[in-house]
Amino acid sequence: MPSLEIVSHDKQRISVKLKDIPLQYANALRRICLNGVPVFAIDAVDIIENSSAFADEALAHRLALIPIKTDLSRFVEPSKCDCKSETGCSNCRVMLILDSGDTDVTRTILSNELTSEDKDISPISDKIPIIQLAPGQRIKLEAYARLGRGTEHAKWNSSNISILTETNKENEHVLTVESTGALIPEQIILTGVDELSNRLSEFKDILDQLKTE
């Protein structure tokens, strides 16, 4: 009988033993855990002021690579949101503000200076370097984070690694997932299982429709 058993886990990584699960399904789950589970990432940036050495595009790219803590219970992907708006709403988008202020010394702007309008949607660490400013330089911007999937862009990958290894027993594999920090590892696995189930159901519905036509 198919089963999942936790082998080991901590705050960043989890290993799950998959028993009597067809290899194609186990591998599909591995791929979903890597880039098919939605997480938040900064997707749009309005630059109000930038006198740094970085071009606006480079600064926006740097911000997009910061992993963002994610709450899947309160937010939906823009494509599934009732607002149907390109700019988004409070159900599918979160704004973060960064204002370095004036400085007379060289200093590094860290992720703790990104202020989120939602306390649960924020960088996974306060110590991620964003940019170094020289005396007299300043950046001020509004960044907008939304849910997305790594299949669209790697900045939305929910895992750093997602690997499937064989054991010495037949029809048994171990799935190891290392989170980026946006979600806890257990949630990646559980959401991945739900996503795989939904995809299989949708595929079955398509096949049933083809049979009736």
N, C-alpha and C. Protein backbone atom coordinates (compact mmCIF):
# COMPACT_ATOMS: atom_id res chain seq x y z
N MET A 1 0.84 -1.20 0.00
CA MET A 1 0.00 0.00 0.00
C MET A 1 0.88 1.25 0.00
N PRO A 2 0.60 2.24 -0.88
CA PRO A 2 1.43 3.45 -0.94
C PRO A 2 1.45 4.18 0.40
N SER A 3 2.63 4.71 0.76
CA SER A 3 2.74 5.44 2.02
C SER A 3 3.90 6.43 1.97
N LEU A 4 3.83 7.45 2.85
CA LEU A 4 4.89 8.43 3.02
C LEU A 4 5.32 8.40 4.48
N GLU A 5 6.62 8.37 4.70
CA GLU A 5 7.14 8.31 6.06
C GLU A 5 8.29 9.31 6.20
N ILE A 6 8.21 10.17 7.21
CA ILE A 6 9.27 11.15 7.43
C ILE A 6 10.51 10.45 7.98
N VAL A 7 11.63 10.62 7.30
CA VAL A 7 12.89 10.02 7.72
C VAL A 7 13.64 10.98 8.63
N SER A 8 13.71 12.23 8.22
CA SER A 8 14.37 13.27 9.02
C SER A 8 13.85 14.63 8.59
N HIS A 9 13.90 15.58 9.50
CA HIS A 9 13.52 16.94 9.12
C HIS A 9 14.03 17.94 10.16
N ASP A 10 14.27 19.15 9.67
CA ASP A 10 14.59 20.28 10.53
C ASP A 10 13.94 21.51 9.92
N LYS A 11 14.37 22.70 10.32
CA LYS A 11 13.72 23.92 9.85
C LYS A 11 13.94 24.18 8.37
N GLN A 12 14.98 23.58 7.80
CA GLN A 12 15.31 23.87 6.40
C GLN A 12 15.12 22.69 5.46
N ARG A 13 15.28 21.46 5.98
CA ARG A 13 15.29 20.30 5.09
C ARG A 13 14.43 19.17 5.65
N ILE A 14 13.85 18.40 4.73
CA ILE A 14 13.05 17.24 5.11
C ILE A 14 13.33 16.10 4.13
N SER A 15 13.38 14.88 4.66
CA SER A 15 13.51 13.68 3.84
C SER A 15 12.32 12.78 4.12
N VAL A 16 11.66 12.33 3.06
CA VAL A 16 10.46 11.51 3.19
C VAL A 16 10.64 10.22 2.40
N LYS A 17 10.33 9.09 3.03
CA LYS A 17 10.41 7.80 2.36
C LYS A 17 9.08 7.52 1.65
N LEU A 18 9.18 7.25 0.37
CA LEU A 18 8.00 6.95 -0.45
C LEU A 18 7.97 5.45 -0.73
N LYS A 19 6.95 4.77 -0.24
CA LYS A 19 6.84 3.33 -0.42
C LYS A 19 5.72 2.98 -1.39
N ASP A 20 6.01 2.08 -2.33
CA ASP A 20 5.02 1.56 -3.29
C ASP A 20 4.32 2.67 -4.06
N ILE A 21 5.05 3.74 -4.34
CA ILE A 21 4.55 4.83 -5.17
C ILE A 21 5.27 4.75 -6.52
N PRO A 22 4.53 4.63 -7.62
CA PRO A 22 5.18 4.52 -8.93
C PRO A 22 6.23 5.61 -9.13
N LEU A 23 7.32 5.23 -9.75
CA LEU A 23 8.45 6.14 -9.92
C LEU A 23 8.03 7.43 -10.64
N GLN A 24 7.14 7.31 -11.64
CA GLN A 24 6.75 8.51 -12.39
C GLN A 24 6.00 9.50 -11.49
N TYR A 25 5.22 9.00 -10.53
CA TYR A 25 4.53 9.89 -9.61
C TYR A 25 5.49 10.48 -8.58
N ALA A 26 6.43 9.66 -8.12
CA ALA A 26 7.43 10.15 -7.17
C ALA A 26 8.28 11.25 -7.80
N ASN A 27 8.64 11.05 -9.06
CA ASN A 27 9.46 12.06 -9.74
C ASN A 27 8.66 13.32 -10.04
N ALA A 28 7.37 13.15 -10.34
CA ALA A 28 6.50 14.31 -10.55
C ALA A 28 6.39 15.13 -9.27
N LEU A 29 6.27 14.44 -8.13
CA LEU A 29 6.22 15.14 -6.84
C LEU A 29 7.53 15.88 -6.58
N ARG A 30 8.65 15.26 -6.93
CA ARG A 30 9.96 15.92 -6.76
C ARG A 30 10.01 17.23 -7.54
N ARG A 31 9.56 17.20 -8.79
CA ARG A 31 9.60 18.40 -9.62
C ARG A 31 8.66 19.48 -9.08
N ILE A 32 7.49 19.07 -8.62
CA ILE A 32 6.54 20.04 -8.09
C ILE A 32 7.10 20.70 -6.83
N CYS A 33 7.76 19.91 -5.98
CA CYS A 33 8.34 20.48 -4.76
C CYS A 33 9.46 21.46 -5.08
N LEU A 34 10.11 21.29 -6.22
CA LEU A 34 11.17 22.21 -6.60
C LEU A 34 10.61 23.52 -7.14
N ASN A 35 9.68 23.44 -8.10
CA ASN A 35 9.26 24.67 -8.77
C ASN A 35 7.76 24.75 -9.05
N GLY A 36 6.96 23.89 -8.40
CA GLY A 36 5.53 23.92 -8.67
C GLY A 36 4.68 24.36 -7.51
N VAL A 37 5.31 24.66 -6.37
CA VAL A 37 4.59 25.17 -5.20
C VAL A 37 4.72 26.68 -5.17
N PRO A 38 3.61 27.43 -5.12
CA PRO A 38 3.70 28.89 -5.18
C PRO A 38 4.32 29.51 -3.92
N VAL A 39 5.18 30.49 -4.13
CA VAL A 39 5.75 31.28 -3.03
C VAL A 39 5.80 32.75 -3.47
N PHE A 40 6.02 33.62 -2.51
CA PHE A 40 6.12 35.04 -2.81
C PHE A 40 7.51 35.40 -3.32
N ALA A 41 7.55 36.36 -4.24
CA ALA A 41 8.79 36.99 -4.68
C ALA A 41 8.45 38.38 -5.19
N ILE A 42 9.39 39.29 -5.07
CA ILE A 42 9.18 40.64 -5.58
C ILE A 42 9.17 40.59 -7.11
N ASP A 43 8.10 41.12 -7.69
CA ASP A 43 7.90 40.99 -9.13
C ASP A 43 7.85 42.34 -9.85
N ALA A 44 7.62 43.41 -9.11
CA ALA A 44 7.58 44.74 -9.71
C ALA A 44 8.14 45.75 -8.72
N VAL A 45 8.89 46.72 -9.24
CA VAL A 45 9.51 47.72 -8.37
C VAL A 45 9.30 49.11 -8.98
N ASP A 46 8.78 50.02 -8.19
CA ASP A 46 8.66 51.43 -8.59
C ASP A 46 9.80 52.20 -7.92
N ILE A 47 10.75 52.65 -8.73
CA ILE A 47 11.90 53.39 -8.21
C ILE A 47 11.51 54.86 -8.07
N ILE A 48 11.52 55.37 -6.87
CA ILE A 48 11.20 56.78 -6.63
C ILE A 48 12.47 57.62 -6.70
N GLU A 49 13.54 57.10 -6.11
CA GLU A 49 14.83 57.78 -6.16
C GLU A 49 15.94 56.74 -6.15
N ASN A 50 16.94 56.92 -7.01
CA ASN A 50 18.09 56.02 -7.05
C ASN A 50 19.32 56.78 -7.53
N SER A 51 20.13 57.19 -6.59
CA SER A 51 21.38 57.88 -6.92
C SER A 51 22.59 56.98 -6.66
N SER A 52 22.33 55.67 -6.54
CA SER A 52 23.40 54.71 -6.30
C SER A 52 24.14 54.40 -7.60
N ALA A 53 25.13 53.53 -7.51
CA ALA A 53 25.88 53.12 -8.70
C ALA A 53 25.13 52.05 -9.49
N PHE A 54 24.07 51.48 -8.89
CA PHE A 54 23.27 50.45 -9.56
C PHE A 54 22.24 51.08 -10.49
N ALA A 55 22.09 50.49 -11.68
CA ALA A 55 20.97 50.88 -12.55
C ALA A 55 19.67 50.40 -11.92
N ASP A 56 18.57 51.04 -12.27
CA ASP A 56 17.27 50.66 -11.71
C ASP A 56 16.98 49.18 -11.94
N GLU A 57 17.30 48.70 -13.14
CA GLU A 57 17.01 47.30 -13.47
C GLU A 57 17.83 46.34 -12.61
N ALA A 58 19.08 46.68 -12.34
CA ALA A 58 19.94 45.83 -11.51
C ALA A 58 19.44 45.80 -10.07
N LEU A 59 18.98 46.95 -9.59
CA LEU A 59 18.44 47.02 -8.23
C LEU A 59 17.16 46.18 -8.11
N ALA A 60 16.29 46.25 -9.11
CA ALA A 60 15.06 45.46 -9.11
C ALA A 60 15.38 43.97 -9.16
N HIS A 61 16.38 43.60 -9.96
CA HIS A 61 16.79 42.20 -10.06
C HIS A 61 17.31 41.69 -8.72
N ARG A 62 18.11 42.48 -8.03
CA ARG A 62 18.63 42.10 -6.73
C ARG A 62 17.50 41.87 -5.72
N LEU A 63 16.51 42.75 -5.74
CA LEU A 63 15.37 42.61 -4.83
C LEU A 63 14.56 41.34 -5.13
N ALA A 64 14.44 41.01 -6.41
CA ALA A 64 13.65 39.84 -6.80
C ALA A 64 14.26 38.54 -6.30
N LEU A 65 15.56 38.53 -6.03
CA LEU A 65 16.25 37.32 -5.61
C LEU A 65 16.19 37.09 -4.10
N ILE A 66 15.59 38.01 -3.36
CA ILE A 66 15.47 37.86 -1.91
C ILE A 66 14.29 36.92 -1.60
N PRO A 67 14.53 35.77 -0.96
CA PRO A 67 13.41 34.88 -0.60
C PRO A 67 12.47 35.57 0.38
N ILE A 68 11.18 35.40 0.14
CA ILE A 68 10.15 36.06 0.94
C ILE A 68 9.31 35.02 1.69
N LYS A 69 9.13 35.23 3.00
CA LYS A 69 8.26 34.35 3.78
C LYS A 69 6.87 34.36 3.17
N THR A 70 6.25 33.19 3.10
CA THR A 70 5.00 33.03 2.37
C THR A 70 3.91 32.45 3.26
N ASP A 71 2.69 32.97 3.10
CA ASP A 71 1.51 32.44 3.79
C ASP A 71 0.48 32.07 2.73
N LEU A 72 0.36 30.77 2.45
CA LEU A 72 -0.55 30.31 1.40
C LEU A 72 -2.00 30.27 1.86
N SER A 73 -2.23 30.43 3.16
CA SER A 73 -3.60 30.35 3.67
C SER A 73 -4.38 31.65 3.46
N ARG A 74 -3.66 32.77 3.27
CA ARG A 74 -4.34 34.07 3.17
C ARG A 74 -4.23 34.73 1.81
N PHE A 75 -3.38 34.18 0.94
CA PHE A 75 -3.16 34.83 -0.35
C PHE A 75 -3.36 33.84 -1.49
N VAL A 76 -3.70 34.35 -2.65
CA VAL A 76 -3.90 33.52 -3.84
C VAL A 76 -3.01 34.03 -4.96
N GLU A 77 -2.78 33.19 -5.93
CA GLU A 77 -2.03 33.60 -7.11
C GLU A 77 -2.86 34.61 -7.91
N PRO A 78 -2.21 35.62 -8.50
CA PRO A 78 -2.94 36.65 -9.25
C PRO A 78 -3.91 36.09 -10.28
N SER A 79 -3.53 34.99 -10.94
CA SER A 79 -4.39 34.41 -11.97
C SER A 79 -5.67 33.82 -11.38
N LYS A 80 -5.66 33.55 -10.08
CA LYS A 80 -6.83 32.95 -9.43
C LYS A 80 -7.57 33.95 -8.54
N CYS A 81 -7.12 35.20 -8.54
CA CYS A 81 -7.72 36.21 -7.66
C CYS A 81 -8.97 36.81 -8.29
N ASP A 82 -9.96 37.09 -7.46
CA ASP A 82 -11.22 37.66 -7.94
C ASP A 82 -11.07 39.09 -8.45
N CYS A 83 -9.97 39.76 -8.07
CA CYS A 83 -9.81 41.16 -8.47
C CYS A 83 -9.59 41.31 -9.97
N LYS A 84 -8.99 40.29 -10.60
CA LYS A 84 -8.74 40.31 -12.05
C LYS A 84 -8.02 41.59 -12.48
N SER A 85 -7.14 42.08 -11.62
CA SER A 85 -6.45 43.34 -11.86
C SER A 85 -4.98 43.11 -12.15
N GLU A 86 -4.42 43.88 -13.07
CA GLU A 86 -3.00 43.78 -13.37
C GLU A 86 -2.16 44.27 -12.19
N THR A 87 -2.68 45.23 -11.43
CA THR A 87 -1.94 45.80 -10.30
C THR A 87 -2.11 44.97 -9.04
N GLY A 88 -3.13 44.10 -9.00
CA GLY A 88 -3.34 43.25 -7.85
C GLY A 88 -4.13 43.92 -6.75
N CYS A 89 -4.39 43.15 -5.68
CA CYS A 89 -5.13 43.65 -4.53
C CYS A 89 -4.55 43.05 -3.26
N SER A 90 -5.18 43.31 -2.14
CA SER A 90 -4.65 42.84 -0.86
C SER A 90 -4.71 41.32 -0.71
N ASN A 91 -5.42 40.65 -1.61
CA ASN A 91 -5.50 39.19 -1.56
C ASN A 91 -4.42 38.50 -2.39
N CYS A 92 -3.76 39.24 -3.27
CA CYS A 92 -2.79 38.61 -4.16
C CYS A 92 -1.47 39.38 -4.29
N ARG A 93 -1.33 40.48 -3.54
CA ARG A 93 -0.12 41.29 -3.67
C ARG A 93 0.21 41.94 -2.33
N VAL A 94 1.50 42.09 -2.06
CA VAL A 94 1.97 42.76 -0.84
C VAL A 94 3.03 43.79 -1.22
N MET A 95 2.91 44.99 -0.67
CA MET A 95 3.87 46.05 -0.95
C MET A 95 4.93 46.12 0.14
N LEU A 96 6.18 46.28 -0.29
CA LEU A 96 7.29 46.50 0.63
C LEU A 96 7.96 47.82 0.25
N ILE A 97 8.34 48.59 1.24
CA ILE A 97 8.93 49.91 1.02
C ILE A 97 10.37 49.93 1.52
N LEU A 98 11.23 50.58 0.76
CA LEU A 98 12.62 50.76 1.18
C LEU A 98 13.00 52.23 0.98
N ASP A 99 13.44 52.86 2.04
CA ASP A 99 13.93 54.25 1.98
C ASP A 99 15.20 54.32 2.80
N SER A 100 16.32 54.43 2.12
CA SER A 100 17.62 54.40 2.81
C SER A 100 17.88 55.67 3.61
N GLY A 101 17.20 56.77 3.22
CA GLY A 101 17.48 58.05 3.85
C GLY A 101 18.84 58.57 3.40
N ASP A 102 19.22 59.73 3.91
CA ASP A 102 20.52 60.31 3.55
C ASP A 102 21.62 59.73 4.43
N THR A 103 22.81 59.59 3.86
CA THR A 103 23.93 59.06 4.63
C THR A 103 25.20 59.83 4.29
N ASP A 104 26.05 60.01 5.29
CA ASP A 104 27.32 60.68 5.05
C ASP A 104 28.49 59.71 5.19
N VAL A 105 28.17 58.41 5.26
CA VAL A 105 29.19 57.37 5.31
C VAL A 105 28.81 56.26 4.33
N THR A 106 29.79 55.48 3.94
CA THR A 106 29.50 54.33 3.10
C THR A 106 28.85 53.24 3.96
N ARG A 107 27.72 52.71 3.49
CA ARG A 107 27.05 51.66 4.27
C ARG A 107 26.31 50.70 3.35
N THR A 108 26.08 49.51 3.85
CA THR A 108 25.39 48.48 3.10
C THR A 108 23.92 48.43 3.53
N ILE A 109 23.04 48.50 2.55
CA ILE A 109 21.61 48.38 2.82
C ILE A 109 21.28 46.90 2.89
N LEU A 110 20.66 46.48 3.99
CA LEU A 110 20.30 45.09 4.20
C LEU A 110 18.78 44.89 4.08
N SER A 111 18.39 43.64 4.02
CA SER A 111 16.97 43.32 3.84
C SER A 111 16.10 43.76 5.01
N ASN A 112 16.70 44.03 6.18
CA ASN A 112 15.88 44.49 7.31
C ASN A 112 15.32 45.89 7.10
N GLU A 113 15.80 46.57 6.06
CA GLU A 113 15.28 47.91 5.77
C GLU A 113 14.09 47.88 4.82
N LEU A 114 13.72 46.67 4.37
CA LEU A 114 12.50 46.51 3.58
C LEU A 114 11.33 46.39 4.55
N THR A 115 10.45 47.37 4.53
CA THR A 115 9.29 47.38 5.41
C THR A 115 8.06 46.88 4.66
N SER A 116 7.46 45.79 5.16
CA SER A 116 6.31 45.19 4.49
C SER A 116 5.01 45.68 5.09
N GLU A 117 3.98 45.81 4.25
CA GLU A 117 2.67 46.20 4.75
C GLU A 117 1.98 45.03 5.45
N ASP A 118 2.55 43.83 5.33
CA ASP A 118 2.03 42.65 6.00
C ASP A 118 3.18 42.00 6.77
N LYS A 119 3.05 41.90 8.08
CA LYS A 119 4.16 41.43 8.92
C LYS A 119 4.57 40.00 8.61
N ASP A 120 3.67 39.19 8.03
CA ASP A 120 3.98 37.79 7.75
C ASP A 120 4.65 37.59 6.39
N ILE A 121 4.63 38.62 5.56
CA ILE A 121 5.23 38.55 4.22
C ILE A 121 6.43 39.48 4.20
N SER A 122 7.60 38.92 4.46
CA SER A 122 8.81 39.72 4.59
C SER A 122 10.02 38.86 4.24
N PRO A 123 11.20 39.46 4.04
CA PRO A 123 12.40 38.66 3.74
C PRO A 123 12.65 37.62 4.81
N ILE A 124 13.19 36.46 4.40
CA ILE A 124 13.42 35.37 5.34
C ILE A 124 14.53 35.69 6.33
N SER A 125 15.36 36.68 6.00
CA SER A 125 16.47 37.08 6.87
C SER A 125 16.61 38.59 6.85
N ASP A 126 17.06 39.15 7.97
CA ASP A 126 17.31 40.59 8.04
C ASP A 126 18.68 40.97 7.52
N LYS A 127 19.50 39.99 7.18
CA LYS A 127 20.91 40.26 6.91
C LYS A 127 21.31 40.05 5.45
N ILE A 128 20.36 40.02 4.54
CA ILE A 128 20.67 39.84 3.12
C ILE A 128 21.11 41.18 2.52
N PRO A 129 22.33 41.29 1.99
CA PRO A 129 22.79 42.56 1.40
C PRO A 129 22.01 42.89 0.13
N ILE A 130 21.63 44.15 0.00
CA ILE A 130 20.91 44.59 -1.20
C ILE A 130 21.81 45.48 -2.05
N ILE A 131 22.41 46.48 -1.43
CA ILE A 131 23.24 47.42 -2.18
C ILE A 131 24.13 48.19 -1.21
N GLN A 132 25.28 48.64 -1.70
CA GLN A 132 26.16 49.49 -0.89
C GLN A 132 26.05 50.92 -1.39
N LEU A 133 25.82 51.83 -0.47
CA LEU A 133 25.68 53.25 -0.81
C LEU A 133 26.88 54.04 -0.33
N ALA A 134 27.34 54.94 -1.18
CA ALA A 134 28.42 55.86 -0.82
C ALA A 134 27.81 57.12 -0.20
N PRO A 135 28.61 57.93 0.45
CA PRO A 135 28.08 59.18 1.03
C PRO A 135 27.33 60.01 -0.02
N GLY A 136 26.16 60.49 0.35
CA GLY A 136 25.35 61.31 -0.54
C GLY A 136 24.42 60.53 -1.44
N GLN A 137 24.56 59.19 -1.49
CA GLN A 137 23.68 58.37 -2.33
C GLN A 137 22.45 57.93 -1.53
N ARG A 138 21.36 57.68 -2.27
CA ARG A 138 20.10 57.30 -1.61
C ARG A 138 19.25 56.47 -2.56
N ILE A 139 18.51 55.52 -1.99
CA ILE A 139 17.50 54.81 -2.77
C ILE A 139 16.17 54.87 -2.02
N LYS A 140 15.11 55.03 -2.79
CA LYS A 140 13.76 55.04 -2.24
C LYS A 140 12.87 54.34 -3.27
N LEU A 141 12.14 53.34 -2.82
CA LEU A 141 11.35 52.56 -3.78
C LEU A 141 10.17 51.87 -3.10
N GLU A 142 9.26 51.42 -3.96
CA GLU A 142 8.14 50.58 -3.54
C GLU A 142 8.23 49.28 -4.35
N ALA A 143 8.26 48.17 -3.64
CA ALA A 143 8.36 46.86 -4.29
C ALA A 143 7.08 46.07 -4.05
N TYR A 144 6.68 45.30 -5.04
CA TYR A 144 5.42 44.55 -4.95
C TYR A 144 5.72 43.06 -5.13
N ALA A 145 5.34 42.29 -4.11
CA ALA A 145 5.55 40.84 -4.14
C ALA A 145 4.24 40.14 -4.46
N ARG A 146 4.32 39.07 -5.22
CA ARG A 146 3.14 38.25 -5.52
C ARG A 146 3.54 36.79 -5.55
N LEU A 147 2.55 35.93 -5.46
CA LEU A 147 2.78 34.49 -5.55
C LEU A 147 3.08 34.09 -7.00
N GLY A 148 4.01 33.18 -7.14
CA GLY A 148 4.32 32.65 -8.46
C GLY A 148 4.98 31.29 -8.30
N ARG A 149 5.29 30.66 -9.42
CA ARG A 149 5.90 29.34 -9.41
C ARG A 149 7.21 29.34 -10.17
N GLY A 150 8.11 28.48 -9.74
CA GLY A 150 9.42 28.42 -10.37
C GLY A 150 9.40 28.03 -11.82
N THR A 151 8.30 27.41 -12.26
CA THR A 151 8.19 27.08 -13.69
C THR A 151 8.10 28.34 -14.54
N GLU A 152 7.71 29.46 -13.90
CA GLU A 152 7.65 30.75 -14.61
C GLU A 152 8.98 31.48 -14.51
N HIS A 153 9.61 31.45 -13.32
CA HIS A 153 10.91 32.10 -13.10
C HIS A 153 11.52 31.49 -11.84
N ALA A 154 12.85 31.31 -11.85
CA ALA A 154 13.54 30.65 -10.74
C ALA A 154 13.40 31.40 -9.42
N LYS A 155 13.07 32.70 -9.46
CA LYS A 155 12.92 33.45 -8.21
C LYS A 155 11.73 32.93 -7.40
N TRP A 156 10.82 32.17 -8.04
CA TRP A 156 9.67 31.59 -7.35
C TRP A 156 9.88 30.12 -6.98
N ASN A 157 11.11 29.61 -7.11
CA ASN A 157 11.36 28.24 -6.66
C ASN A 157 11.13 28.15 -5.16
N SER A 158 10.36 27.16 -4.73
CA SER A 158 10.11 26.99 -3.30
C SER A 158 11.23 26.21 -2.61
N SER A 159 12.07 25.53 -3.40
CA SER A 159 13.14 24.71 -2.83
C SER A 159 14.48 25.03 -3.48
N ASN A 160 15.54 24.93 -2.67
CA ASN A 160 16.90 25.02 -3.22
C ASN A 160 17.26 23.72 -3.92
N ILE A 161 16.88 22.60 -3.31
CA ILE A 161 17.09 21.29 -3.92
C ILE A 161 15.85 20.44 -3.69
N SER A 162 15.60 19.52 -4.61
CA SER A 162 14.54 18.52 -4.47
C SER A 162 15.02 17.29 -5.23
N ILE A 163 15.47 16.28 -4.48
CA ILE A 163 16.11 15.13 -5.11
C ILE A 163 15.43 13.83 -4.67
N LEU A 164 15.48 12.86 -5.57
CA LEU A 164 14.88 11.55 -5.32
C LEU A 164 15.98 10.50 -5.40
N THR A 165 16.13 9.71 -4.34
CA THR A 165 17.16 8.68 -4.32
C THR A 165 16.53 7.32 -4.03
N GLU A 166 17.18 6.28 -4.53
CA GLU A 166 16.70 4.91 -4.31
C GLU A 166 17.21 4.39 -2.96
N THR A 167 16.46 3.46 -2.39
CA THR A 167 16.94 2.73 -1.21
C THR A 167 17.30 1.32 -1.66
N ASN A 168 17.65 0.47 -0.71
CA ASN A 168 18.00 -0.91 -1.07
C ASN A 168 16.78 -1.82 -1.13
N LYS A 169 15.60 -1.21 -1.05
CA LYS A 169 14.36 -1.99 -1.12
C LYS A 169 13.61 -1.67 -2.41
N GLU A 170 12.87 -2.62 -2.90
CA GLU A 170 12.13 -2.45 -4.14
C GLU A 170 10.95 -1.50 -3.94
N ASN A 171 10.71 -0.67 -4.95
CA ASN A 171 9.59 0.28 -4.91
C ASN A 171 9.65 1.21 -3.71
N GLU A 172 10.87 1.63 -3.38
CA GLU A 172 11.03 2.55 -2.25
C GLU A 172 12.05 3.63 -2.62
N HIS A 173 11.68 4.88 -2.40
CA HIS A 173 12.56 6.00 -2.70
C HIS A 173 12.53 7.00 -1.55
N VAL A 174 13.54 7.85 -1.50
CA VAL A 174 13.58 8.91 -0.49
C VAL A 174 13.61 10.26 -1.21
N LEU A 175 12.63 11.09 -0.89
CA LEU A 175 12.55 12.44 -1.45
C LEU A 175 13.11 13.42 -0.42
N THR A 176 14.13 14.15 -0.81
CA THR A 176 14.74 15.15 0.08
C THR A 176 14.51 16.54 -0.49
N VAL A 177 13.93 17.41 0.32
CA VAL A 177 13.60 18.78 -0.10
C VAL A 177 14.25 19.76 0.86
N GLU A 178 14.94 20.74 0.30
CA GLU A 178 15.54 21.81 1.10
C GLU A 178 14.86 23.13 0.74
N SER A 179 14.20 23.73 1.71
CA SER A 179 13.43 24.95 1.47
C SER A 179 14.33 26.17 1.29
N THR A 180 13.84 27.13 0.52
CA THR A 180 14.53 28.43 0.42
C THR A 180 14.29 29.27 1.67
N GLY A 181 13.34 28.86 2.48
CA GLY A 181 12.96 29.62 3.66
C GLY A 181 11.61 30.29 3.52
N ALA A 182 11.08 30.31 2.30
CA ALA A 182 9.78 30.93 2.08
C ALA A 182 8.67 30.13 2.76
N LEU A 183 8.79 28.80 2.74
CA LEU A 183 7.85 27.89 3.40
C LEU A 183 8.65 26.89 4.24
N ILE A 184 8.01 26.32 5.27
CA ILE A 184 8.68 25.26 6.00
C ILE A 184 8.68 24.01 5.12
N PRO A 185 9.69 23.14 5.26
CA PRO A 185 9.80 21.98 4.36
C PRO A 185 8.55 21.11 4.34
N GLU A 186 7.92 20.88 5.52
CA GLU A 186 6.74 20.04 5.56
C GLU A 186 5.63 20.60 4.68
N GLN A 187 5.49 21.92 4.66
CA GLN A 187 4.42 22.53 3.87
C GLN A 187 4.68 22.37 2.38
N ILE A 188 5.93 22.38 1.99
CA ILE A 188 6.27 22.16 0.58
C ILE A 188 5.82 20.77 0.14
N ILE A 189 6.12 19.76 0.97
CA ILE A 189 5.73 18.39 0.65
C ILE A 189 4.21 18.27 0.58
N LEU A 190 3.51 18.77 1.60
CA LEU A 190 2.05 18.63 1.66
C LEU A 190 1.38 19.37 0.51
N THR A 191 1.85 20.59 0.23
CA THR A 191 1.29 21.35 -0.88
C THR A 191 1.61 20.68 -2.21
N GLY A 192 2.81 20.08 -2.29
CA GLY A 192 3.19 19.36 -3.50
C GLY A 192 2.31 18.17 -3.76
N VAL A 193 1.96 17.44 -2.69
CA VAL A 193 1.07 16.28 -2.83
C VAL A 193 -0.30 16.73 -3.32
N ASP A 194 -0.82 17.82 -2.73
CA ASP A 194 -2.13 18.34 -3.16
C ASP A 194 -2.09 18.79 -4.62
N GLU A 195 -1.00 19.43 -4.99
CA GLU A 195 -0.85 19.92 -6.37
C GLU A 195 -0.80 18.75 -7.35
N LEU A 196 -0.06 17.70 -7.00
CA LEU A 196 0.02 16.52 -7.86
C LEU A 196 -1.35 15.87 -8.01
N SER A 197 -2.08 15.78 -6.90
CA SER A 197 -3.42 15.19 -6.94
C SER A 197 -4.35 15.99 -7.84
N ASN A 198 -4.27 17.32 -7.73
CA ASN A 198 -5.11 18.18 -8.57
C ASN A 198 -4.77 18.04 -10.04
N ARG A 199 -3.48 17.96 -10.34
CA ARG A 199 -3.07 17.83 -11.74
C ARG A 199 -3.54 16.50 -12.33
N LEU A 200 -3.44 15.44 -11.54
CA LEU A 200 -3.89 14.13 -12.02
C LEU A 200 -5.40 14.12 -12.24
N SER A 201 -6.14 14.79 -11.35
CA SER A 201 -7.60 14.87 -11.50
C SER A 201 -7.97 15.65 -12.75
N GLU A 202 -7.26 16.76 -12.99
CA GLU A 202 -7.53 17.56 -14.18
C GLU A 202 -7.22 16.76 -15.45
N PHE A 203 -6.13 16.00 -15.41
CA PHE A 203 -5.76 15.18 -16.57
C PHE A 203 -6.81 14.10 -16.83
N LYS A 204 -7.30 13.50 -15.75
CA LYS A 204 -8.34 12.47 -15.89
C LYS A 204 -9.62 13.07 -16.48
N ASP A 205 -9.97 14.28 -16.05
CA ASP A 205 -11.16 14.94 -16.59
C ASP A 205 -11.02 15.20 -18.08
N ILE A 206 -9.82 15.59 -18.50
CA ILE A 206 -9.57 15.84 -19.92
C ILE A 206 -9.74 14.55 -20.72
N LEU A 207 -9.18 13.46 -20.17
CA LEU A 207 -9.30 12.16 -20.86
C LEU A 207 -10.76 11.72 -20.95
N ASP A 208 -11.52 11.94 -19.87
CA ASP A 208 -12.93 11.56 -19.87
C ASP A 208 -13.71 12.35 -20.91
N GLN A 209 -13.35 13.64 -21.06
CA GLN A 209 -14.03 14.48 -22.06
C GLN A 209 -13.72 13.99 -23.47
N LEU A 210 -12.48 13.57 -23.69
CA LEU A 210 -12.09 13.08 -25.01
C LEU A 210 -12.83 11.78 -25.36
N LYS A 211 -13.06 10.96 -24.34
CA LYS A 211 -13.76 9.69 -24.57
C LYS A 211 -15.23 9.92 -24.95
N THR A 212 -15.82 10.97 -24.43
CA THR A 212 -17.25 11.23 -24.69
C THR A 212 -17.48 12.00 -25.97
N GLU A 213 -16.45 12.56 -26.54
CA GLU A 213 -16.61 13.33 -27.78
C GLU A 213 -16.67 12.42 -29.00
